[in-house]
PDB file of N, CA and C in Angstrom:
ATOM      1  N   MET A   1      90.681 124.089  51.247  1.00  0.00           N
ATOM      2  CA  MET A   1      89.274 124.019  50.874  1.00  0.00           C
ATOM      3  C   MET A   1      88.647 125.375  51.168  1.00  0.00           C
ATOM      4  N   ALA A   2      87.843 125.859  50.278  1.00  0.00           N
ATOM      5  CA  ALA A   2      87.202 127.155  50.448  1.00  0.00           C
ATOM      6  C   ALA A   2      86.140 127.072  51.535  1.00  0.00           C
ATOM      7  N   LYS A   3      85.851 128.203  52.142  1.00  0.00           N
ATOM      8  CA  LYS A   3      84.909 128.267  53.251  1.00  0.00           C
ATOM      9  C   LYS A   3      83.527 127.730  52.856  1.00  0.00           C
ATOM     10  N   HIS A   4      83.022 128.113  51.684  1.00  0.00           N
ATOM     11  CA  HIS A   4      81.684 127.669  51.276  1.00  0.00           C
ATOM     12  C   HIS A   4      81.643 126.169  50.979  1.00  0.00           C
ATOM     13  N   GLU A   5      82.755 125.587  50.589  1.00  0.00           N
ATOM     14  CA  GLU A   5      82.793 124.148  50.331  1.00  0.00           C
ATOM     15  C   GLU A   5      82.724 123.368  51.634  1.00  0.00           C
ATOM     16  N   GLU A   6      83.341 123.878  52.696  1.00  0.00           N
ATOM     17  CA  GLU A   6      83.313 123.199  53.987  1.00  0.00           C
ATOM     18  C   GLU A   6      81.892 123.105  54.521  1.00  0.00           C
ATOM     19  N   SER A   7      81.127 124.171  54.387  1.00  0.00           N
ATOM     20  CA  SER A   7      79.783 124.187  54.945  1.00  0.00           C
ATOM     21  C   SER A   7      78.821 123.294  54.170  1.00  0.00           C
ATOM     22  N   SER A   8      79.118 122.991  52.912  1.00  0.00           N
ATOM     23  CA  SER A   8      78.205 122.168  52.127  1.00  0.00           C
ATOM     24  C   SER A   8      78.427 120.666  52.359  1.00  0.00           C
ATOM     25  N   VAL A   9      79.502 120.303  53.024  1.00  0.00           N
ATOM     26  CA  VAL A   9      79.789 118.900  53.304  1.00  0.00           C
ATOM     27  C   VAL A   9      79.331 118.587  54.722  1.00  0.00           C
ATOM     28  N   LEU A  10      78.387 117.637  54.846  1.00  0.00           N
ATOM     29  CA  LEU A  10      77.892 117.252  56.161  1.00  0.00           C
ATOM     30  C   LEU A  10      78.698 116.086  56.710  1.00  0.00           C
ATOM     31  N   SER A  11      79.044 116.175  57.976  1.00  0.00           N
ATOM     32  CA  SER A  11      79.680 115.034  58.624  1.00  0.00           C
ATOM     33  C   SER A  11      78.583 114.046  59.012  1.00  0.00           C
ATOM     34  N   ALA A  12      78.972 112.868  59.419  1.00  0.00           N
ATOM     35  CA  ALA A  12      77.997 111.866  59.843  1.00  0.00           C
ATOM     36  C   ALA A  12      77.220 112.367  61.054  1.00  0.00           C
ATOM     37  N   THR A  13      77.890 113.066  61.952  1.00  0.00           N
ATOM     38  CA  THR A  13      77.223 113.605  63.135  1.00  0.00           C
ATOM     39  C   THR A  13      76.194 114.660  62.740  1.00  0.00           C
ATOM     40  N   ASP A  14      76.561 115.539  61.809  1.00  0.00           N
ATOM     41  CA  ASP A  14      75.624 116.558  61.340  1.00  0.00           C
ATOM     42  C   ASP A  14      74.403 115.911  60.696  1.00  0.00           C
ATOM     43  N   ALA A  15      74.617 114.874  59.929  1.00  0.00           N
ATOM     44  CA  ALA A  15      73.518 114.187  59.259  1.00  0.00           C
ATOM     45  C   ALA A  15      72.579 113.545  60.280  1.00  0.00           C
ATOM     46  N   LYS A  16      73.134 112.962  61.338  1.00  0.00           N
ATOM     47  CA  LYS A  16      72.310 112.351  62.391  1.00  0.00           C
ATOM     48  C   LYS A  16      71.496 113.415  63.119  1.00  0.00           C
ATOM     49  N   GLN A  17      72.123 114.553  63.398  1.00  0.00           N
ATOM     50  CA  GLN A  17      71.406 115.636  64.078  1.00  0.00           C
ATOM     51  C   GLN A  17      70.286 116.177  63.198  1.00  0.00           C
ATOM     52  N   ALA A  18      70.524 116.295  61.910  1.00  0.00           N
ATOM     53  CA  ALA A  18      69.499 116.763  60.979  1.00  0.00           C
ATOM     54  C   ALA A  18      68.346 115.767  60.927  1.00  0.00           C
ATOM     55  N   ALA A  19      68.652 114.486  60.931  1.00  0.00           N
ATOM     56  CA  ALA A  19      67.609 113.454  60.909  1.00  0.00           C
ATOM     57  C   ALA A  19      66.766 113.526  62.181  1.00  0.00           C
ATOM     58  N   LYS A  20      67.402 113.765  63.317  1.00  0.00           N
ATOM     59  CA  LYS A  20      66.661 113.888  64.578  1.00  0.00           C
ATOM     60  C   LYS A  20      65.736 115.093  64.537  1.00  0.00           C
ATOM     61  N   ARG A  21      66.227 116.205  63.990  1.00  0.00           N
ATOM     62  CA  ARG A  21      65.392 117.407  63.885  1.00  0.00           C
ATOM     63  C   ARG A  21      64.194 117.122  62.981  1.00  0.00           C
ATOM     64  N   ASP A  22      64.435 116.431  61.874  1.00  0.00           N
ATOM     65  CA  ASP A  22      63.351 116.108  60.953  1.00  0.00           C
ATOM     66  C   ASP A  22      62.350 115.159  61.604  1.00  0.00           C
ATOM     67  N   THR A  23      62.834 114.212  62.395  1.00  0.00           N
ATOM     68  CA  THR A  23      61.940 113.296  63.108  1.00  0.00           C
ATOM     69  C   THR A  23      61.098 114.072  64.102  1.00  0.00           C
ATOM     70  N   GLY A  24      61.711 115.012  64.803  1.00  0.00           N
ATOM     71  CA  GLY A  24      60.972 115.845  65.741  1.00  0.00           C
ATOM     72  C   GLY A  24      59.922 116.682  65.038  1.00  0.00           C
ATOM     73  N   ALA A  25      60.260 117.201  63.871  1.00  0.00           N
ATOM     74  CA  ALA A  25      59.315 118.003  63.093  1.00  0.00           C
ATOM     75  C   ALA A  25      58.163 117.132  62.603  1.00  0.00           C
ATOM     76  N   TYR A  26      58.469 115.912  62.175  1.00  0.00           N
ATOM     77  CA  TYR A  26      57.435 114.980  61.722  1.00  0.00           C
ATOM     78  C   TYR A  26      56.483 114.673  62.879  1.00  0.00           C
ATOM     79  N   ASP A  27      57.050 114.368  64.048  1.00  0.00           N
ATOM     80  CA  ASP A  27      56.230 114.052  65.221  1.00  0.00           C
ATOM     81  C   ASP A  27      55.346 115.230  65.620  1.00  0.00           C
ATOM     82  N   ARG A  28      55.911 116.418  65.547  1.00  0.00           N
ATOM     83  CA  ARG A  28      55.145 117.624  65.882  1.00  0.00           C
ATOM     84  C   ARG A  28      54.006 117.818  64.875  1.00  0.00           C
ATOM     85  N   GLY A  29      54.268 117.549  63.611  1.00  0.00           N
ATOM     86  CA  GLY A  29      53.233 117.638  62.588  1.00  0.00           C
ATOM     87  C   GLY A  29      52.154 116.588  62.782  1.00  0.00           C
ATOM     88  N   ALA A  30      52.572 115.379  63.157  1.00  0.00           N
ATOM     89  CA  ALA A  30      51.606 114.303  63.399  1.00  0.00           C
ATOM     90  C   ALA A  30      50.693 114.669  64.570  1.00  0.00           C
ATOM     91  N   LYS A  31      51.256 115.263  65.592  1.00  0.00           N
ATOM     92  CA  LYS A  31      50.454 115.687  66.744  1.00  0.00           C
ATOM     93  C   LYS A  31      49.430 116.739  66.303  1.00  0.00           C
ATOM     94  N   ALA A  32      49.862 117.677  65.484  1.00  0.00           N
ATOM     95  CA  ALA A  32      48.951 118.715  64.978  1.00  0.00           C
ATOM     96  C   ALA A  32      47.883 118.099  64.082  1.00  0.00           C
ATOM     97  N   GLY A  33      48.257 117.100  63.291  1.00  0.00           N
ATOM     98  CA  GLY A  33      47.316 116.465  62.374  1.00  0.00           C
ATOM     99  C   GLY A  33      46.252 115.652  63.078  1.00  0.00           C
ATOM    100  N   LYS A  34      46.525 115.209  64.297  1.00  0.00           N
ATOM    101  CA  LYS A  34      45.553 114.434  65.071  1.00  0.00           C
ATOM    102  C   LYS A  34      44.472 115.325  65.674  1.00  0.00           C
ATOM    103  N   GLN A  35      44.753 116.614  65.754  1.00  0.00           N
ATOM    104  CA  GLN A  35      43.789 117.559  66.319  1.00  0.00           C
ATOM    105  C   GLN A  35      42.809 118.004  65.240  1.00  0.00           C
ATOM    106  N   LYS A  36      41.564 118.229  65.642  1.00  0.00           N
ATOM    107  CA  LYS A  36      40.578 118.713  64.672  1.00  0.00           C
ATOM    108  C   LYS A  36      40.932 120.104  64.189  1.00  0.00           C
ATOM    109  N   ASN A  37      41.257 120.989  65.094  1.00  0.00           N
ATOM    110  CA  ASN A  37      41.592 122.373  64.768  1.00  0.00           C
ATOM    111  C   ASN A  37      42.923 122.723  65.435  1.00  0.00           C
ATOM    112  N   PRO A  38      44.033 122.373  64.794  1.00  0.00           N
ATOM    113  CA  PRO A  38      45.328 122.658  65.428  1.00  0.00           C
ATOM    114  C   PRO A  38      45.509 124.155  65.679  1.00  0.00           C
ATOM    115  N   ALA A  39      46.050 124.455  66.838  1.00  0.00           N
ATOM    116  CA  ALA A  39      46.214 125.856  67.250  1.00  0.00           C
ATOM    117  C   ALA A  39      47.280 126.574  66.429  1.00  0.00           C
ATOM    118  N   GLU A  40      48.281 125.844  66.008  1.00  0.00           N
ATOM    119  CA  GLU A  40      49.370 126.498  65.283  1.00  0.00           C
ATOM    120  C   GLU A  40      49.576 125.863  63.921  1.00  0.00           C
ATOM    121  N   GLY A  41      50.091 126.646  63.018  1.00  0.00           N
ATOM    122  CA  GLY A  41      50.438 126.137  61.700  1.00  0.00           C
ATOM    123  C   GLY A  41      51.852 125.580  61.733  1.00  0.00           C
ATOM    124  N   ASN A  42      52.432 125.437  60.591  1.00  0.00           N
ATOM    125  CA  ASN A  42      53.793 124.922  60.484  1.00  0.00           C
ATOM    126  C   ASN A  42      54.768 125.970  61.032  1.00  0.00           C
ATOM    127  N   PRO A  43      55.477 125.624  62.129  1.00  0.00           N
ATOM    128  CA  PRO A  43      56.361 126.603  62.761  1.00  0.00           C
ATOM    129  C   PRO A  43      57.742 126.701  62.118  1.00  0.00           C
ATOM    130  N   TYR A  44      58.012 125.892  61.116  1.00  0.00           N
ATOM    131  CA  TYR A  44      59.344 125.844  60.513  1.00  0.00           C
ATOM    132  C   TYR A  44      59.421 126.748  59.277  1.00  0.00           C
ATOM    133  N   PRO A  45      60.613 127.224  58.968  1.00  0.00           N
ATOM    134  CA  PRO A  45      60.772 128.110  57.801  1.00  0.00           C
ATOM    135  C   PRO A  45      60.323 127.420  56.507  1.00  0.00           C
ATOM    136  N   GLU A  46      59.589 128.161  55.706  1.00  0.00           N
ATOM    137  CA  GLU A  46      59.077 127.627  54.445  1.00  0.00           C
ATOM    138  C   GLU A  46      60.226 127.133  53.571  1.00  0.00           C
ATOM    139  N   GLY A  47      60.073 125.942  53.019  1.00  0.00           N
ATOM    140  CA  GLY A  47      61.078 125.376  52.132  1.00  0.00           C
ATOM    141  C   GLY A  47      62.159 124.573  52.836  1.00  0.00           C
ATOM    142  N   SER A  48      62.142 124.554  54.169  1.00  0.00           N
ATOM    143  CA  SER A  48      63.175 123.806  54.899  1.00  0.00           C
ATOM    144  C   SER A  48      62.803 122.329  54.979  1.00  0.00           C
ATOM    145  N   HIS A  49      63.793 121.495  55.273  1.00  0.00           N
ATOM    146  CA  HIS A  49      63.540 120.066  55.439  1.00  0.00           C
ATOM    147  C   HIS A  49      62.580 119.827  56.601  1.00  0.00           C
ATOM    148  N   ALA A  50      62.761 120.591  57.673  1.00  0.00           N
ATOM    149  CA  ALA A  50      61.896 120.439  58.844  1.00  0.00           C
ATOM    150  C   ALA A  50      60.449 120.787  58.499  1.00  0.00           C
ATOM    151  N   ALA A  51      60.250 121.820  57.682  1.00  0.00           N
ATOM    152  CA  ALA A  51      58.892 122.204  57.280  1.00  0.00           C
ATOM    153  C   ALA A  51      58.243 121.083  56.482  1.00  0.00           C
ATOM    154  N   LYS A  52      58.994 120.468  55.596  1.00  0.00           N
ATOM    155  CA  LYS A  52      58.467 119.362  54.793  1.00  0.00           C
ATOM    156  C   LYS A  52      58.142 118.164  55.688  1.00  0.00           C
ATOM    157  N   SER A  53      59.008 117.878  56.660  1.00  0.00           N
ATOM    158  CA  SER A  53      58.757 116.773  57.589  1.00  0.00           C
ATOM    159  C   SER A  53      57.500 117.030  58.414  1.00  0.00           C
ATOM    160  N   PHE A  54      57.324 118.277  58.862  1.00  0.00           N
ATOM    161  CA  PHE A  54      56.127 118.650  59.615  1.00  0.00           C
ATOM    162  C   PHE A  54      54.879 118.395  58.767  1.00  0.00           C
ATOM    163  N   GLU A  55      54.906 118.840  57.515  1.00  0.00           N
ATOM    164  CA  GLU A  55      53.759 118.675  56.618  1.00  0.00           C
ATOM    165  C   GLU A  55      53.445 117.196  56.395  1.00  0.00           C
ATOM    166  N   LEU A  56      54.474 116.389  56.200  1.00  0.00           N
ATOM    167  CA  LEU A  56      54.259 114.950  55.979  1.00  0.00           C
ATOM    168  C   LEU A  56      53.637 114.298  57.217  1.00  0.00           C
ATOM    169  N   GLY A  57      54.136 114.658  58.389  1.00  0.00           N
ATOM    170  CA  GLY A  57      53.578 114.123  59.636  1.00  0.00           C
ATOM    171  C   GLY A  57      52.122 114.527  59.809  1.00  0.00           C
ATOM    172  N   GLN A  58      51.842 115.792  59.509  1.00  0.00           N
ATOM    173  CA  GLN A  58      50.487 116.302  59.642  1.00  0.00           C
ATOM    174  C   GLN A  58      49.538 115.591  58.678  1.00  0.00           C
ATOM    175  N   LEU A  59      49.953 115.435  57.440  1.00  0.00           N
ATOM    176  CA  LEU A  59      49.114 114.765  56.444  1.00  0.00           C
ATOM    177  C   LEU A  59      48.909 113.290  56.777  1.00  0.00           C
ATOM    178  N   ASP A  60      49.951 112.613  57.230  1.00  0.00           N
ATOM    179  CA  ASP A  60      49.812 111.201  57.598  1.00  0.00           C
ATOM    180  C   ASP A  60      48.817 111.032  58.745  1.00  0.00           C
ATOM    181  N   ALA A  61      48.898 111.908  59.740  1.00  0.00           N
ATOM    182  CA  ALA A  61      47.980 111.817  60.883  1.00  0.00           C
ATOM    183  C   ALA A  61      46.547 112.122  60.458  1.00  0.00           C
ATOM    184  N   GLN A  62      46.378 113.052  59.533  1.00  0.00           N
ATOM    185  CA  GLN A  62      45.031 113.365  59.041  1.00  0.00           C
ATOM    186  C   GLN A  62      44.448 112.190  58.278  1.00  0.00           C
ATOM    187  N   LYS A  63      45.275 111.476  57.525  1.00  0.00           N
ATOM    188  CA  LYS A  63      44.802 110.291  56.790  1.00  0.00           C
ATOM    189  C   LYS A  63      44.303 109.236  57.776  1.00  0.00           C
ATOM    190  N   VAL A  64      45.058 109.022  58.848  1.00  0.00           N
ATOM    191  CA  VAL A  64      44.676 108.029  59.852  1.00  0.00           C
ATOM    192  C   VAL A  64      43.387 108.459  60.526  1.00  0.00           C
ATOM    193  N   ARG A  65      43.311 109.738  60.900  1.00  0.00           N
ATOM    194  CA  ARG A  65      42.113 110.253  61.563  1.00  0.00           C
ATOM    195  C   ARG A  65      40.901 110.099  60.652  1.00  0.00           C
ATOM    196  N   CYS A  66      41.069 110.353  59.381  1.00  0.00           N
ATOM    197  CA  CYS A  66      39.968 110.272  58.416  1.00  0.00           C
ATOM    198  C   CYS A  66      39.528 108.821  58.230  1.00  0.00           C
ATOM    199  N   SER A  67      40.457 107.899  58.200  1.00  0.00           N
ATOM    200  CA  SER A  67      40.108 106.493  57.972  1.00  0.00           C
ATOM    201  C   SER A  67      39.489 105.839  59.197  1.00  0.00           C
ATOM    202  N   ASP A  68      39.572 106.487  60.358  1.00  0.00           N
ATOM    203  CA  ASP A  68      38.955 105.954  61.571  1.00  0.00           C
ATOM    204  C   ASP A  68      37.443 106.187  61.593  1.00  0.00           C
ATOM    205  N   LYS A  69      36.952 107.081  60.758  1.00  0.00           N
ATOM    206  CA  LYS A  69      35.530 107.404  60.742  1.00  0.00           C
ATOM    207  C   LYS A  69      34.764 106.329  59.965  1.00  0.00           C
ATOM    208  N   PRO A  70      33.617 105.931  60.468  1.00  0.00           N
ATOM    209  CA  PRO A  70      32.819 104.955  59.729  1.00  0.00           C
ATOM    210  C   PRO A  70      32.278 105.571  58.436  1.00  0.00           C
ATOM    211  N   PRO A  71      32.019 104.758  57.433  1.00  0.00           N
ATOM    212  CA  PRO A  71      31.483 105.278  56.165  1.00  0.00           C
ATOM    213  C   PRO A  71      30.146 105.989  56.384  1.00  0.00           C
ATOM    214  N   GLY A  72      29.942 107.062  55.647  1.00  0.00           N
ATOM    215  CA  GLY A  72      28.689 107.786  55.726  1.00  0.00           C
ATOM    216  C   GLY A  72      28.618 108.821  56.829  1.00  0.00           C
ATOM    217  N   ARG A  73      29.701 109.026  57.537  1.00  0.00           N
ATOM    218  CA  ARG A  73      29.692 110.023  58.620  1.00  0.00           C
ATOM    219  C   ARG A  73      30.728 111.054  58.397  1.00  0.00           C
TER     220      ARG A  73
END
């Protein structure tokens, strides 16, 4: 098997580790989204799975924060 083919195949362990990283990124984004003025932006490389997970967490937390406000305020 060629070297580049080996790296493109994820083992089950690699997939679990990637999922954990994405969960951590989502949680970090959710924490940032709960803040009115988060101190930091997305710390993950643009276009990465972790960056997308961070953005989703941040947006989900902002939706919750927004829906907690009474109408008219």
